[in-house]
Amino acid sequence: MTRAETVSDRIDTARADLSPTEIAVGLAFAAAIAFTLVFLQEPLVHDAMHNFRHAAGIVCH
């Protein structure tokens, strides 16, 4: 039986595979999305950003 991949496994893989610049860009992108969602609470915009996060592969719930 194989072991399920965990968040910790994904973090370890990211540390091994990504450069510091790629990590910084990813964090900046995530921060920009979070900032936008905080100030754009219009339901249609909020839902669109939520769907975009899922399309980008970001798990939020």
N, C-alpha and C. Protein backbone atom coordinates (compact mmCIF):
# COMPACT_ATOMS: atom_id res chain seq x y z
N MET A 1 0.84 -1.18 0.00
CA MET A 1 0.00 0.00 0.00
C MET A 1 0.89 1.24 0.00
N THR A 2 0.55 2.20 -0.86
CA THR A 2 1.36 3.42 -0.94
C THR A 2 0.86 4.46 0.05
N ARG A 3 1.78 5.28 0.49
CA ARG A 3 1.46 6.33 1.44
C ARG A 3 0.94 7.55 0.69
N ALA A 4 -0.08 8.20 1.21
CA ALA A 4 -0.64 9.40 0.59
C ALA A 4 0.33 10.56 0.74
N GLU A 5 0.38 11.39 -0.29
CA GLU A 5 1.23 12.58 -0.24
C GLU A 5 0.63 13.59 0.72
N THR A 6 1.45 14.18 1.55
CA THR A 6 0.99 15.15 2.53
C THR A 6 1.46 16.55 2.14
N VAL A 7 0.95 17.55 2.83
CA VAL A 7 1.39 18.93 2.60
C VAL A 7 2.88 19.05 2.89
N SER A 8 3.33 18.40 3.93
CA SER A 8 4.76 18.42 4.27
C SER A 8 5.62 17.86 3.13
N ASP A 9 5.12 16.80 2.50
CA ASP A 9 5.84 16.23 1.35
C ASP A 9 5.91 17.23 0.20
N ARG A 10 4.82 17.93 -0.03
CA ARG A 10 4.80 18.92 -1.11
C ARG A 10 5.75 20.08 -0.82
N ILE A 11 5.81 20.51 0.43
CA ILE A 11 6.72 21.59 0.80
C ILE A 11 8.16 21.15 0.60
N ASP A 12 8.48 19.94 1.02
CA ASP A 12 9.84 19.41 0.82
C ASP A 12 10.20 19.33 -0.66
N THR A 13 9.25 18.90 -1.48
CA THR A 13 9.48 18.82 -2.93
C THR A 13 9.71 20.21 -3.51
N ALA A 14 8.90 21.18 -3.08
CA ALA A 14 9.06 22.55 -3.57
C ALA A 14 10.42 23.12 -3.18
N ARG A 15 10.85 22.86 -1.96
CA ARG A 15 12.16 23.35 -1.52
C ARG A 15 13.29 22.78 -2.38
N ALA A 16 13.14 21.53 -2.78
CA ALA A 16 14.18 20.88 -3.57
C ALA A 16 14.15 21.32 -5.03
N ASP A 17 12.95 21.61 -5.57
CA ASP A 17 12.81 21.86 -7.00
C ASP A 17 12.81 23.33 -7.40
N LEU A 18 12.41 24.23 -6.49
CA LEU A 18 12.25 25.64 -6.86
C LEU A 18 13.44 26.47 -6.41
N SER A 19 13.74 27.48 -7.23
CA SER A 19 14.80 28.42 -6.86
C SER A 19 14.21 29.46 -5.91
N PRO A 20 15.06 30.18 -5.19
CA PRO A 20 14.54 31.24 -4.31
C PRO A 20 13.72 32.29 -5.07
N THR A 21 14.11 32.58 -6.30
CA THR A 21 13.36 33.55 -7.10
C THR A 21 11.96 33.03 -7.42
N GLU A 22 11.85 31.76 -7.77
CA GLU A 22 10.55 31.17 -8.07
C GLU A 22 9.65 31.15 -6.83
N ILE A 23 10.24 30.87 -5.70
CA ILE A 23 9.47 30.88 -4.45
C ILE A 23 8.98 32.29 -4.15
N ALA A 24 9.85 33.29 -4.32
CA ALA A 24 9.47 34.69 -4.06
C ALA A 24 8.34 35.12 -4.99
N VAL A 25 8.42 34.75 -6.26
CA VAL A 25 7.36 35.10 -7.21
C VAL A 25 6.05 34.43 -6.82
N GLY A 26 6.10 33.17 -6.43
CA GLY A 26 4.90 32.47 -6.01
C GLY A 26 4.26 33.09 -4.78
N LEU A 27 5.08 33.46 -3.81
CA LEU A 27 4.55 34.11 -2.61
C LEU A 27 3.98 35.49 -2.93
N ALA A 28 4.63 36.22 -3.81
CA ALA A 28 4.11 37.54 -4.21
C ALA A 28 2.77 37.40 -4.92
N PHE A 29 2.65 36.38 -5.77
CA PHE A 29 1.39 36.12 -6.47
C PHE A 29 0.28 35.79 -5.47
N ALA A 30 0.58 34.93 -4.52
CA ALA A 30 -0.41 34.55 -3.50
C ALA A 30 -0.81 35.77 -2.66
N ALA A 31 0.16 36.61 -2.31
CA ALA A 31 -0.13 37.81 -1.53
C ALA A 31 -1.00 38.78 -2.33
N ALA A 32 -0.74 38.91 -3.63
CA ALA A 32 -1.55 39.79 -4.47
C ALA A 32 -2.99 39.30 -4.54
N ILE A 33 -3.17 37.99 -4.66
CA ILE A 33 -4.53 37.44 -4.69
C ILE A 33 -5.23 37.69 -3.36
N ALA A 34 -4.54 37.45 -2.26
CA ALA A 34 -5.14 37.66 -0.93
C ALA A 34 -5.51 39.14 -0.74
N PHE A 35 -4.61 40.04 -1.12
CA PHE A 35 -4.86 41.48 -1.00
C PHE A 35 -6.09 41.87 -1.82
N THR A 36 -6.16 41.35 -3.04
CA THR A 36 -7.29 41.67 -3.91
C THR A 36 -8.60 41.17 -3.31
N LEU A 37 -8.59 39.97 -2.77
CA LEU A 37 -9.82 39.43 -2.17
C LEU A 37 -10.25 40.20 -0.94
N VAL A 38 -9.32 40.72 -0.19
CA VAL A 38 -9.68 41.49 1.00
C VAL A 38 -10.42 42.76 0.61
N PHE A 39 -9.98 43.41 -0.46
CA PHE A 39 -10.57 44.69 -0.84
C PHE A 39 -11.67 44.58 -1.88
N LEU A 40 -11.79 43.45 -2.55
CA LEU A 40 -12.85 43.26 -3.54
C LEU A 40 -13.83 42.22 -3.02
N GLN A 41 -14.69 42.63 -2.15
CA GLN A 41 -15.66 41.70 -1.59
C GLN A 41 -16.98 41.69 -2.34
N GLU A 42 -17.04 42.37 -3.47
CA GLU A 42 -18.21 42.26 -4.35
C GLU A 42 -18.38 40.78 -4.68
N PRO A 43 -19.55 40.20 -4.47
CA PRO A 43 -19.71 38.76 -4.64
C PRO A 43 -19.26 38.21 -6.00
N LEU A 44 -19.59 38.91 -7.09
CA LEU A 44 -19.19 38.39 -8.41
C LEU A 44 -17.67 38.38 -8.57
N VAL A 45 -17.01 39.44 -8.10
CA VAL A 45 -15.54 39.51 -8.19
C VAL A 45 -14.93 38.46 -7.28
N HIS A 46 -15.47 38.34 -6.07
CA HIS A 46 -14.97 37.37 -5.11
C HIS A 46 -15.08 35.95 -5.68
N ASP A 47 -16.22 35.63 -6.24
CA ASP A 47 -16.41 34.30 -6.83
C ASP A 47 -15.48 34.06 -8.01
N ALA A 48 -15.27 35.09 -8.83
CA ALA A 48 -14.37 34.96 -9.97
C ALA A 48 -12.95 34.70 -9.50
N MET A 49 -12.51 35.42 -8.47
CA MET A 49 -11.15 35.23 -7.95
C MET A 49 -11.04 33.84 -7.31
N HIS A 50 -12.09 33.41 -6.64
CA HIS A 50 -12.09 32.09 -6.02
C HIS A 50 -11.93 31.01 -7.09
N ASN A 51 -12.68 31.14 -8.17
CA ASN A 51 -12.59 30.17 -9.27
C ASN A 51 -11.21 30.23 -9.92
N PHE A 52 -10.64 31.42 -10.03
CA PHE A 52 -9.30 31.57 -10.61
C PHE A 52 -8.27 30.83 -9.75
N ARG A 53 -8.38 30.96 -8.43
CA ARG A 53 -7.43 30.27 -7.55
C ARG A 53 -7.50 28.76 -7.77
N HIS A 54 -8.70 28.24 -7.89
CA HIS A 54 -8.84 26.80 -8.15
C HIS A 54 -8.23 26.44 -9.51
N ALA A 55 -8.47 27.27 -10.52
CA ALA A 55 -7.93 27.00 -11.85
C ALA A 55 -6.40 27.04 -11.82
N ALA A 56 -5.84 27.89 -10.96
CA ALA A 56 -4.38 28.00 -10.84
C ALA A 56 -3.80 26.87 -10.00
N GLY A 57 -4.66 26.04 -9.43
CA GLY A 57 -4.17 24.90 -8.65
C GLY A 57 -3.97 25.21 -7.18
N ILE A 58 -4.51 26.33 -6.72
CA ILE A 58 -4.37 26.70 -5.31
C ILE A 58 -5.57 26.14 -4.55
N VAL A 59 -5.31 25.30 -3.58
CA VAL A 59 -6.39 24.70 -2.79
C VAL A 59 -6.69 25.63 -1.63
N CYS A 60 -7.95 26.06 -1.53
CA CYS A 60 -8.30 27.02 -0.48
C CYS A 60 -9.30 26.46 0.52
N HIS A 61 -9.82 25.29 0.29
CA HIS A 61 -10.73 24.68 1.27
C HIS A 61 -10.78 23.19 1.07
